[in-house]
Amino acid sequence: MKKSVQFASLFAFIVTTFTSCEVVKGIFKAGMGFGIFIVIAVIAVIIFIISKLSGKK
């Protein structure tokens, strides 16, 4: 019983603290920007490796 009360209190605290859509929007924008950067970096590395391998033949 005590654990469920603690969980409910914690859940209520989190819900009331993080209700701002701006915070969530900022997190997703940062995540999307970082994800795009990682994808471009991986593609660049793959192109670099392919160019090095094809240049030696």
C-alpha atoms as a PDB file:
ATOM      1  CA  MET A   1       0.000   0.000   0.000  1.00  0.00           C
ATOM      2  CA  LYS A   2       2.804   2.395   0.888  1.00  0.00           C
ATOM      3  CA  LYS A   3       4.599   1.796  -2.419  1.00  0.00           C
ATOM      4  CA  SER A   4       1.466   2.547  -4.441  1.00  0.00           C
ATOM      5  CA  VAL A   5       0.952   5.808  -2.550  1.00  0.00           C
ATOM      6  CA  GLN A   6       4.576   6.781  -3.149  1.00  0.00           C
ATOM      7  CA  PHE A   7       4.272   5.902  -6.842  1.00  0.00           C
ATOM      8  CA  ALA A   8       1.039   7.896  -7.185  1.00  0.00           C
ATOM      9  CA  SER A   9       2.642  10.890  -5.475  1.00  0.00           C
ATOM     10  CA  LEU A  10       5.703  10.697  -7.678  1.00  0.00           C
ATOM     11  CA  PHE A  11       3.569  10.337 -10.822  1.00  0.00           C
ATOM     12  CA  ALA A  12       1.414  13.319  -9.826  1.00  0.00           C
ATOM     13  CA  PHE A  13       4.543  15.399  -9.172  1.00  0.00           C
ATOM     14  CA  ILE A  14       6.035  14.515 -12.569  1.00  0.00           C
ATOM     15  CA  VAL A  15       2.791  15.203 -14.423  1.00  0.00           C
ATOM     16  CA  THR A  16       2.329  18.605 -12.802  1.00  0.00           C
ATOM     17  CA  THR A  17       5.976  19.570 -13.249  1.00  0.00           C
ATOM     18  CA  PHE A  18       6.440  18.586 -16.881  1.00  0.00           C
ATOM     19  CA  THR A  19       3.200  19.760 -18.482  1.00  0.00           C
ATOM     20  CA  SER A  20       4.828  22.335 -20.746  1.00  0.00           C
ATOM     21  CA  CYS A  21       4.641  21.500 -24.433  1.00  0.00           C
ATOM     22  CA  GLU A  22       7.584  23.835 -25.048  1.00  0.00           C
ATOM     23  CA  VAL A  23       9.898  21.602 -23.026  1.00  0.00           C
ATOM     24  CA  VAL A  24       8.840  18.506 -24.945  1.00  0.00           C
ATOM     25  CA  LYS A  25       9.100  20.341 -28.270  1.00  0.00           C
ATOM     26  CA  GLY A  26      12.628  21.487 -27.421  1.00  0.00           C
ATOM     27  CA  ILE A  27      13.718  17.989 -26.484  1.00  0.00           C
ATOM     28  CA  PHE A  28      12.389  16.514 -29.714  1.00  0.00           C
ATOM     29  CA  LYS A  29      13.952  19.287 -31.830  1.00  0.00           C
ATOM     30  CA  ALA A  30      17.336  18.697 -30.222  1.00  0.00           C
ATOM     31  CA  GLY A  31      16.972  14.949 -30.674  1.00  0.00           C
ATOM     32  CA  MET A  32      15.959  15.299 -34.309  1.00  0.00           C
ATOM     33  CA  GLY A  33      18.857  17.653 -35.064  1.00  0.00           C
ATOM     34  CA  PHE A  34      21.340  15.301 -33.434  1.00  0.00           C
ATOM     35  CA  GLY A  35      19.837  12.326 -35.273  1.00  0.00           C
ATOM     36  CA  ILE A  36      20.152  14.072 -38.632  1.00  0.00           C
ATOM     37  CA  PHE A  37      23.765  14.961 -37.843  1.00  0.00           C
ATOM     38  CA  ILE A  38      24.573  11.332 -36.971  1.00  0.00           C
ATOM     39  CA  VAL A  39      22.943  10.027 -40.175  1.00  0.00           C
ATOM     40  CA  ILE A  40      24.896  12.492 -42.331  1.00  0.00           C
ATOM     41  CA  ALA A  41      28.130  11.596 -40.517  1.00  0.00           C
ATOM     42  CA  VAL A  42      27.567   7.855 -41.053  1.00  0.00           C
ATOM     43  CA  ILE A  43      26.799   8.374 -44.753  1.00  0.00           C
ATOM     44  CA  ALA A  44      29.966  10.483 -45.118  1.00  0.00           C
ATOM     45  CA  VAL A  45      32.072   7.761 -43.471  1.00  0.00           C
ATOM     46  CA  ILE A  46      30.566   5.076 -45.730  1.00  0.00           C
ATOM     47  CA  ILE A  47      31.259   7.173 -48.841  1.00  0.00           C
ATOM     48  CA  PHE A  48      34.818   7.793 -47.635  1.00  0.00           C
ATOM     49  CA  ILE A  49      35.439   4.062 -47.061  1.00  0.00           C
ATOM     50  CA  ILE A  50      33.978   3.128 -50.452  1.00  0.00           C
ATOM     51  CA  SER A  51      36.119   5.740 -52.198  1.00  0.00           C
ATOM     52  CA  LYS A  52      39.266   4.466 -50.469  1.00  0.00           C
ATOM     53  CA  LEU A  53      38.486   0.845 -51.318  1.00  0.00           C
ATOM     54  CA  SER A  54      37.690   1.578 -54.965  1.00  0.00           C
ATOM     55  CA  GLY A  55      40.779   3.771 -55.348  1.00  0.00           C
ATOM     56  CA  LYS A  56      43.187   0.927 -54.504  1.00  0.00           C
ATOM     57  CA  LYS A  57      41.959  -1.394 -57.262  1.00  0.00           C
END
